[in-house]
Amino acid sequence: MNICGCLVSVARDDLRSARTAMERMAGVEIHAETEDGRLVVVVEDTDEAYASDTIMALHQVQGVYALTLNYHHFEDPSQRAPLAASQPET
C-alpha cells in the first residue's frame, strides 16, 4: 500500500477542466478545493501505475502549476502480521 497526500495548485481559469482530468485518473481522489485553485489530492498505487508515476502525470494536467507532496505512507502488505495475531488475548 502506497498513499500520498498532495496539495495541487491550479490556475483558476483551468480549475474545472483540471479537476475533471484528475478525477478521471485511476488512484486519484480529490478531498478538498479552495476558490483560489488549491486541491487536496490523495494518490494511491493502482494495478496500472505507481503513485509516483501518477503524481508525475498530475504535473502534466493543464493548469497545474505546483504540486507538493505533504504526506507519504508505505506499507508492505506481506510484512503485516495477521489481524488475529495482533489482537490481545482476552
C-alpha atoms as a PDB file:
ATOM      1  CA  MET A   1       0.000   0.000   0.000  1.00  0.00           C
ATOM      2  CA  ASN A   2       1.393   3.358  -1.047  1.00  0.00           C
ATOM      3  CA  ILE A   3      -0.586   6.509  -0.199  1.00  0.00           C
ATOM      4  CA  CYS A   4       0.471  10.080  -0.980  1.00  0.00           C
ATOM      5  CA  GLY A   5      -1.259  13.262   0.167  1.00  0.00           C
ATOM      6  CA  CYS A   6      -0.635  16.220  -2.117  1.00  0.00           C
ATOM      7  CA  LEU A   7      -1.517  19.893  -2.355  1.00  0.00           C
ATOM      8  CA  VAL A   8      -2.064  20.775  -6.017  1.00  0.00           C
ATOM      9  CA  SER A   9      -2.232  24.407  -7.155  1.00  0.00           C
ATOM     10  CA  VAL A  10      -4.196  25.073 -10.331  1.00  0.00           C
ATOM     11  CA  ALA A  11      -4.754  28.289 -12.285  1.00  0.00           C
ATOM     12  CA  ARG A  12      -8.309  29.459 -11.541  1.00  0.00           C
ATOM     13  CA  ASP A  13      -9.271  29.589 -15.218  1.00  0.00           C
ATOM     14  CA  ASP A  14      -8.321  25.911 -15.595  1.00  0.00           C
ATOM     15  CA  LEU A  15      -9.736  24.642 -12.299  1.00  0.00           C
ATOM     16  CA  ARG A  16     -12.884  22.922 -13.636  1.00  0.00           C
ATOM     17  CA  SER A  17     -11.140  21.149 -16.520  1.00  0.00           C
ATOM     18  CA  ALA A  18      -8.109  20.231 -14.381  1.00  0.00           C
ATOM     19  CA  ARG A  19     -10.321  18.786 -11.660  1.00  0.00           C
ATOM     20  CA  THR A  20     -12.237  16.739 -14.225  1.00  0.00           C
ATOM     21  CA  ALA A  21      -8.988  15.411 -15.710  1.00  0.00           C
ATOM     22  CA  MET A  22      -7.685  14.454 -12.252  1.00  0.00           C
ATOM     23  CA  GLU A  23     -10.934  12.735 -11.261  1.00  0.00           C
ATOM     24  CA  ARG A  24     -10.624  10.521 -14.360  1.00  0.00           C
ATOM     25  CA  MET A  25      -7.184   9.290 -13.290  1.00  0.00           C
ATOM     26  CA  ALA A  26      -7.076   5.912 -11.552  1.00  0.00           C
ATOM     27  CA  GLY A  27      -5.830   6.132  -7.975  1.00  0.00           C
ATOM     28  CA  VAL A  28      -6.635   9.845  -7.574  1.00  0.00           C
ATOM     29  CA  GLU A  29      -9.166  11.238  -5.097  1.00  0.00           C
ATOM     30  CA  ILE A  30      -9.830  14.937  -4.546  1.00  0.00           C
ATOM     31  CA  HIS A  31     -10.816  15.646  -0.949  1.00  0.00           C
ATOM     32  CA  ALA A  32     -10.980  19.443  -0.813  1.00  0.00           C
ATOM     33  CA  GLU A  33     -10.901  22.515  -3.048  1.00  0.00           C
ATOM     34  CA  THR A  34     -10.492  26.223  -2.415  1.00  0.00           C
ATOM     35  CA  GLU A  35     -11.779  29.064  -4.568  1.00  0.00           C
ATOM     36  CA  ASP A  36      -8.231  30.140  -5.404  1.00  0.00           C
ATOM     37  CA  GLY A  37      -7.411  26.788  -7.039  1.00  0.00           C
ATOM     38  CA  ARG A  38      -5.811  24.653  -4.355  1.00  0.00           C
ATOM     39  CA  LEU A  39      -6.804  20.990  -4.230  1.00  0.00           C
ATOM     40  CA  VAL A  40      -6.129  18.393  -1.556  1.00  0.00           C
ATOM     41  CA  VAL A  41      -5.461  15.209  -3.509  1.00  0.00           C
ATOM     42  CA  VAL A  42      -4.748  11.668  -2.363  1.00  0.00           C
ATOM     43  CA  VAL A  43      -2.892   9.406  -4.780  1.00  0.00           C
ATOM     44  CA  GLU A  44      -2.574   5.630  -4.348  1.00  0.00           C
ATOM     45  CA  ASP A  45      -0.815   2.868  -6.241  1.00  0.00           C
ATOM     46  CA  THR A  46      -3.054   1.035  -8.725  1.00  0.00           C
ATOM     47  CA  ASP A  47      -2.585  -2.106 -10.782  1.00  0.00           C
ATOM     48  CA  GLU A  48      -1.762   0.162 -13.744  1.00  0.00           C
ATOM     49  CA  ALA A  49       0.638   2.684 -12.166  1.00  0.00           C
ATOM     50  CA  TYR A  50       2.653   3.509  -9.085  1.00  0.00           C
ATOM     51  CA  ALA A  51       1.539   6.561  -7.123  1.00  0.00           C
ATOM     52  CA  SER A  52       4.797   8.285  -8.051  1.00  0.00           C
ATOM     53  CA  ASP A  53       4.007   7.899 -11.763  1.00  0.00           C
ATOM     54  CA  THR A  54       0.503   9.260 -11.222  1.00  0.00           C
ATOM     55  CA  ILE A  55       1.925  12.266  -9.353  1.00  0.00           C
ATOM     56  CA  MET A  56       4.218  12.959 -12.301  1.00  0.00           C
ATOM     57  CA  ALA A  57       1.178  12.747 -14.606  1.00  0.00           C
ATOM     58  CA  LEU A  58      -0.664  15.268 -12.394  1.00  0.00           C
ATOM     59  CA  HIS A  59       2.107  17.759 -13.181  1.00  0.00           C
ATOM     60  CA  GLN A  60       1.124  17.472 -16.855  1.00  0.00           C
ATOM     61  CA  VAL A  61      -2.556  18.376 -16.339  1.00  0.00           C
ATOM     62  CA  GLN A  62      -3.245  21.726 -17.982  1.00  0.00           C
ATOM     63  CA  GLY A  63      -3.398  24.493 -15.394  1.00  0.00           C
ATOM     64  CA  VAL A  64      -1.381  22.704 -12.704  1.00  0.00           C
ATOM     65  CA  TYR A  65       1.495  24.964 -11.759  1.00  0.00           C
ATOM     66  CA  ALA A  66       2.591  23.418  -8.455  1.00  0.00           C
ATOM     67  CA  LEU A  67       2.267  20.119  -6.627  1.00  0.00           C
ATOM     68  CA  THR A  68       3.627  19.442  -3.176  1.00  0.00           C
ATOM     69  CA  LEU A  69       3.866  16.015  -1.560  1.00  0.00           C
ATOM     70  CA  ASN A  70       2.744  16.634   2.017  1.00  0.00           C
ATOM     71  CA  TYR A  71       2.239  13.101   3.292  1.00  0.00           C
ATOM     72  CA  HIS A  72       3.507   9.667   2.322  1.00  0.00           C
ATOM     73  CA  HIS A  73       2.695   6.270   3.790  1.00  0.00           C
ATOM     74  CA  PHE A  74       4.072   2.969   2.529  1.00  0.00           C
ATOM     75  CA  GLU A  75       3.222  -0.396   3.955  1.00  0.00           C
ATOM     76  CA  ASP A  76       4.293  -3.750   2.542  1.00  0.00           C
ATOM     77  CA  PRO A  77       1.217  -5.989   2.975  1.00  0.00           C
ATOM     78  CA  SER A  78       3.391  -9.116   3.013  1.00  0.00           C
ATOM     79  CA  GLN A  79       5.150  -7.812   6.155  1.00  0.00           C
ATOM     80  CA  ARG A  80       1.968  -7.268   8.171  1.00  0.00           C
ATOM     81  CA  ALA A  81       1.071  -9.662  10.940  1.00  0.00           C
ATOM     82  CA  PRO A  82      -2.316 -11.368  10.568  1.00  0.00           C
ATOM     83  CA  LEU A  83      -5.090  -9.408  12.270  1.00  0.00           C
ATOM     84  CA  ALA A  84      -5.806 -12.173  14.791  1.00  0.00           C
ATOM     85  CA  ALA A  85      -2.150 -12.297  15.836  1.00  0.00           C
ATOM     86  CA  SER A  86      -2.113  -8.573  16.575  1.00  0.00           C
ATOM     87  CA  GLN A  87      -5.165  -8.715  18.866  1.00  0.00           C
ATOM     88  CA  PRO A  88      -4.544  -9.101  22.617  1.00  0.00           C
ATOM     89  CA  GLU A  89      -5.965 -12.266  24.109  1.00  0.00           C
ATOM     90  CA  THR A  90      -8.929 -11.927  26.454  1.00  0.00           C
END
